[in-house]
Amino acid sequence: MIILNVSFLGYNGSDILSKLGDDIAASTGSACHAGSISISPVLKAMNIPYEIARGAVGFSSGRYTTQEEIDTVLKRLKEIHTTK
């Protein structure tokens, strides 16, 4: 499994998630705080500034993740960026 955490400056991570769709394995914050608008405790502990941490999204992939699925995520992220 690969987990990638990316921060999108000027964006809210939960807004990005809602626009990506339910078929994308991604998250913001931590699982125990699902539904809240708080930054990840790990990012807080790392002293990541709020402006950066609020745009953080974690993406997960595994052995069976296909190139097509990765391309779909990239396409959707590009669409989110161009409609802002």
N, C-alpha and C. Protein backbone atom coordinates (compact mmCIF):
# COMPACT_ATOMS: atom_id res chain seq x y z
N MET A 1 0.84 -1.17 0.00
CA MET A 1 0.00 0.00 0.00
C MET A 1 0.88 1.24 0.00
N ILE A 2 0.45 2.22 -0.74
CA ILE A 2 1.14 3.50 -0.79
C ILE A 2 0.19 4.57 -0.30
N ILE A 3 0.66 5.41 0.57
CA ILE A 3 -0.14 6.54 1.04
C ILE A 3 0.63 7.81 0.73
N LEU A 4 -0.04 8.72 0.06
CA LEU A 4 0.57 9.98 -0.34
C LEU A 4 -0.26 11.11 0.25
N ASN A 5 0.37 12.00 0.99
CA ASN A 5 -0.33 13.16 1.53
C ASN A 5 0.13 14.40 0.77
N VAL A 6 -0.84 15.09 0.17
CA VAL A 6 -0.55 16.26 -0.64
C VAL A 6 -1.34 17.44 -0.09
N SER A 7 -0.70 18.60 -0.03
CA SER A 7 -1.40 19.80 0.41
C SER A 7 -1.66 20.70 -0.79
N PHE A 8 -2.92 21.10 -0.94
CA PHE A 8 -3.33 21.98 -2.02
C PHE A 8 -3.55 23.37 -1.44
N LEU A 9 -2.57 24.24 -1.62
CA LEU A 9 -2.65 25.59 -1.06
C LEU A 9 -3.82 26.36 -1.65
N GLY A 10 -4.54 27.04 -0.77
CA GLY A 10 -5.69 27.82 -1.20
C GLY A 10 -6.97 27.01 -1.31
N TYR A 11 -6.90 25.75 -0.97
CA TYR A 11 -8.07 24.87 -1.02
C TYR A 11 -8.34 24.29 0.36
N ASN A 12 -9.55 23.82 0.56
CA ASN A 12 -9.92 23.09 1.76
C ASN A 12 -9.97 21.61 1.38
N GLY A 13 -9.26 20.79 2.11
CA GLY A 13 -9.18 19.36 1.79
C GLY A 13 -10.54 18.69 1.69
N SER A 14 -11.46 19.03 2.59
CA SER A 14 -12.77 18.39 2.56
C SER A 14 -13.57 18.80 1.33
N ASP A 15 -13.35 20.02 0.84
CA ASP A 15 -14.01 20.44 -0.41
C ASP A 15 -13.48 19.62 -1.59
N ILE A 16 -12.18 19.39 -1.59
CA ILE A 16 -11.59 18.58 -2.66
C ILE A 16 -12.18 17.17 -2.63
N LEU A 17 -12.26 16.59 -1.43
CA LEU A 17 -12.81 15.23 -1.31
C LEU A 17 -14.23 15.14 -1.85
N SER A 18 -15.05 16.12 -1.51
CA SER A 18 -16.44 16.07 -1.95
C SER A 18 -16.56 16.17 -3.46
N LYS A 19 -15.61 16.85 -4.10
CA LYS A 19 -15.64 16.99 -5.55
C LYS A 19 -14.99 15.81 -6.27
N LEU A 20 -14.11 15.08 -5.59
CA LEU A 20 -13.45 13.94 -6.22
C LEU A 20 -14.41 12.78 -6.46
N GLY A 21 -15.32 12.57 -5.53
CA GLY A 21 -16.27 11.47 -5.65
C GLY A 21 -15.98 10.35 -4.67
N ASP A 22 -16.99 9.54 -4.43
CA ASP A 22 -16.90 8.46 -3.45
C ASP A 22 -16.05 7.28 -3.91
N ASP A 23 -15.73 7.23 -5.18
CA ASP A 23 -14.97 6.10 -5.70
C ASP A 23 -13.46 6.31 -5.61
N ILE A 24 -13.03 7.41 -5.00
CA ILE A 24 -11.61 7.70 -4.84
C ILE A 24 -11.21 7.45 -3.38
N ALA A 25 -10.12 6.69 -3.17
CA ALA A 25 -9.64 6.39 -1.82
C ALA A 25 -8.77 7.56 -1.35
N ALA A 26 -9.40 8.48 -0.64
CA ALA A 26 -8.69 9.66 -0.15
C ALA A 26 -9.34 10.11 1.15
N SER A 27 -8.60 10.90 1.94
CA SER A 27 -9.14 11.38 3.21
C SER A 27 -8.44 12.66 3.63
N THR A 28 -9.06 13.34 4.58
CA THR A 28 -8.44 14.49 5.22
C THR A 28 -8.46 14.24 6.72
N GLY A 29 -7.61 14.92 7.45
CA GLY A 29 -7.60 14.73 8.89
C GLY A 29 -7.27 13.30 9.25
N SER A 30 -7.90 12.83 10.31
CA SER A 30 -7.67 11.45 10.72
C SER A 30 -9.01 10.73 10.79
N ALA A 31 -8.95 9.42 10.71
CA ALA A 31 -10.18 8.61 10.69
C ALA A 31 -11.03 8.82 11.94
N CYS A 32 -10.39 9.05 13.08
CA CYS A 32 -11.16 9.20 14.31
C CYS A 32 -11.85 10.56 14.38
N HIS A 33 -11.55 11.46 13.46
CA HIS A 33 -12.19 12.77 13.44
C HIS A 33 -13.01 12.98 12.18
N ALA A 34 -13.44 11.87 11.57
CA ALA A 34 -14.20 11.96 10.32
C ALA A 34 -15.41 12.86 10.52
N GLY A 35 -15.64 13.72 9.56
CA GLY A 35 -16.78 14.61 9.61
C GLY A 35 -16.50 15.95 10.26
N SER A 36 -15.36 16.10 10.89
CA SER A 36 -15.04 17.38 11.51
C SER A 36 -14.17 18.20 10.56
N ILE A 37 -14.07 19.49 10.84
CA ILE A 37 -13.27 20.37 9.98
C ILE A 37 -11.99 20.71 10.74
N SER A 38 -11.27 19.75 11.15
CA SER A 38 -10.01 20.01 11.84
C SER A 38 -8.88 19.34 11.07
N ILE A 39 -7.69 19.88 11.26
CA ILE A 39 -6.55 19.31 10.54
C ILE A 39 -6.08 18.04 11.26
N SER A 40 -5.32 17.28 10.53
CA SER A 40 -4.78 16.04 11.06
C SER A 40 -3.93 16.29 12.29
N PRO A 41 -4.10 15.50 13.35
CA PRO A 41 -3.24 15.63 14.53
C PRO A 41 -1.77 15.41 14.20
N VAL A 42 -1.50 14.58 13.20
CA VAL A 42 -0.12 14.34 12.80
C VAL A 42 0.47 15.61 12.20
N LEU A 43 -0.28 16.30 11.33
CA LEU A 43 0.21 17.54 10.75
C LEU A 43 0.38 18.62 11.82
N LYS A 44 -0.53 18.63 12.79
CA LYS A 44 -0.39 19.56 13.93
C LYS A 44 0.89 19.29 14.69
N ALA A 45 1.15 18.02 14.97
CA ALA A 45 2.35 17.64 15.72
C ALA A 45 3.63 17.99 14.95
N MET A 46 3.52 18.02 13.63
CA MET A 46 4.67 18.37 12.80
C MET A 46 4.81 19.89 12.63
N ASN A 47 3.92 20.63 13.31
CA ASN A 47 3.91 22.10 13.24
C ASN A 47 3.71 22.63 11.81
N ILE A 48 2.89 21.91 11.06
CA ILE A 48 2.55 22.37 9.71
C ILE A 48 1.59 23.54 9.86
N PRO A 49 1.87 24.68 9.22
CA PRO A 49 0.96 25.83 9.34
C PRO A 49 -0.46 25.49 8.89
N TYR A 50 -1.44 26.08 9.54
CA TYR A 50 -2.84 25.81 9.25
C TYR A 50 -3.16 26.01 7.77
N GLU A 51 -2.64 27.06 7.16
CA GLU A 51 -2.92 27.37 5.76
C GLU A 51 -2.52 26.22 4.83
N ILE A 52 -1.48 25.50 5.21
CA ILE A 52 -1.03 24.36 4.43
C ILE A 52 -1.81 23.10 4.81
N ALA A 53 -1.97 22.88 6.09
CA ALA A 53 -2.62 21.67 6.59
C ALA A 53 -4.09 21.58 6.20
N ARG A 54 -4.77 22.71 6.09
CA ARG A 54 -6.21 22.65 5.77
C ARG A 54 -6.46 22.15 4.35
N GLY A 55 -5.46 22.23 3.49
CA GLY A 55 -5.60 21.73 2.12
C GLY A 55 -5.04 20.34 1.92
N ALA A 56 -4.67 19.67 3.01
CA ALA A 56 -4.04 18.35 2.92
C ALA A 56 -5.06 17.26 2.61
N VAL A 57 -4.69 16.42 1.67
CA VAL A 57 -5.50 15.25 1.30
C VAL A 57 -4.57 14.05 1.23
N GLY A 58 -4.99 12.97 1.84
CA GLY A 58 -4.23 11.73 1.79
C GLY A 58 -4.84 10.77 0.78
N PHE A 59 -4.03 10.28 -0.13
CA PHE A 59 -4.48 9.34 -1.15
C PHE A 59 -3.87 7.97 -0.86
N SER A 60 -4.66 6.92 -1.03
CA SER A 60 -4.19 5.56 -0.81
C SER A 60 -4.28 4.76 -2.10
N SER A 61 -3.31 3.92 -2.30
CA SER A 61 -3.36 2.99 -3.42
C SER A 61 -2.80 1.66 -2.95
N GLY A 62 -3.13 0.65 -3.68
CA GLY A 62 -2.67 -0.68 -3.29
C GLY A 62 -2.23 -1.49 -4.48
N ARG A 63 -2.01 -2.73 -4.24
CA ARG A 63 -1.51 -3.65 -5.25
C ARG A 63 -2.38 -3.68 -6.50
N TYR A 64 -3.68 -3.50 -6.32
CA TYR A 64 -4.59 -3.63 -7.45
C TYR A 64 -5.02 -2.29 -8.05
N THR A 65 -4.41 -1.20 -7.61
CA THR A 65 -4.70 0.10 -8.19
C THR A 65 -4.16 0.13 -9.61
N THR A 66 -5.00 0.57 -10.53
CA THR A 66 -4.60 0.59 -11.94
C THR A 66 -4.13 1.98 -12.37
N GLN A 67 -3.41 2.03 -13.47
CA GLN A 67 -2.98 3.31 -14.03
C GLN A 67 -4.21 4.14 -14.42
N GLU A 68 -5.24 3.49 -14.90
CA GLU A 68 -6.48 4.19 -15.26
C GLU A 68 -7.10 4.90 -14.05
N GLU A 69 -7.08 4.25 -12.89
CA GLU A 69 -7.61 4.86 -11.67
C GLU A 69 -6.78 6.07 -11.26
N ILE A 70 -5.48 5.96 -11.37
CA ILE A 70 -4.60 7.09 -11.04
C ILE A 70 -4.86 8.25 -12.01
N ASP A 71 -5.00 7.93 -13.28
CA ASP A 71 -5.29 8.96 -14.28
C ASP A 71 -6.62 9.64 -14.00
N THR A 72 -7.61 8.89 -13.52
CA THR A 72 -8.91 9.47 -13.18
C THR A 72 -8.77 10.48 -12.06
N VAL A 73 -7.99 10.14 -11.03
CA VAL A 73 -7.77 11.07 -9.92
C VAL A 73 -7.11 12.35 -10.43
N LEU A 74 -6.07 12.20 -11.23
CA LEU A 74 -5.37 13.37 -11.75
C LEU A 74 -6.29 14.24 -12.61
N LYS A 75 -7.12 13.61 -13.42
CA LYS A 75 -8.07 14.35 -14.27
C LYS A 75 -9.05 15.13 -13.40
N ARG A 76 -9.58 14.49 -12.37
CA ARG A 76 -10.54 15.16 -11.50
C ARG A 76 -9.89 16.30 -10.72
N LEU A 77 -8.66 16.10 -10.27
CA LEU A 77 -7.96 17.18 -9.56
C LEU A 77 -7.75 18.38 -10.49
N LYS A 78 -7.41 18.11 -11.73
CA LYS A 78 -7.23 19.18 -12.70
C LYS A 78 -8.54 19.93 -12.92
N GLU A 79 -9.64 19.20 -13.00
CA GLU A 79 -10.97 19.82 -13.18
C GLU A 79 -11.32 20.70 -11.98
N ILE A 80 -11.01 20.21 -10.77
CA ILE A 80 -11.28 21.00 -9.56
C ILE A 80 -10.48 22.28 -9.59
N HIS A 81 -9.23 22.19 -9.99
CA HIS A 81 -8.35 23.36 -10.03
C HIS A 81 -8.82 24.38 -11.07
N THR A 82 -9.25 23.93 -12.22
CA THR A 82 -9.63 24.84 -13.28
C THR A 82 -11.00 25.47 -13.06
N THR A 83 -11.80 24.91 -12.15
CA THR A 83 -13.12 25.50 -11.88
C THR A 83 -13.11 26.40 -10.66
N LYS A 84 -11.96 26.56 -10.02
CA LYS A 84 -11.89 27.41 -8.83
C LYS A 84 -11.87 28.87 -9.21
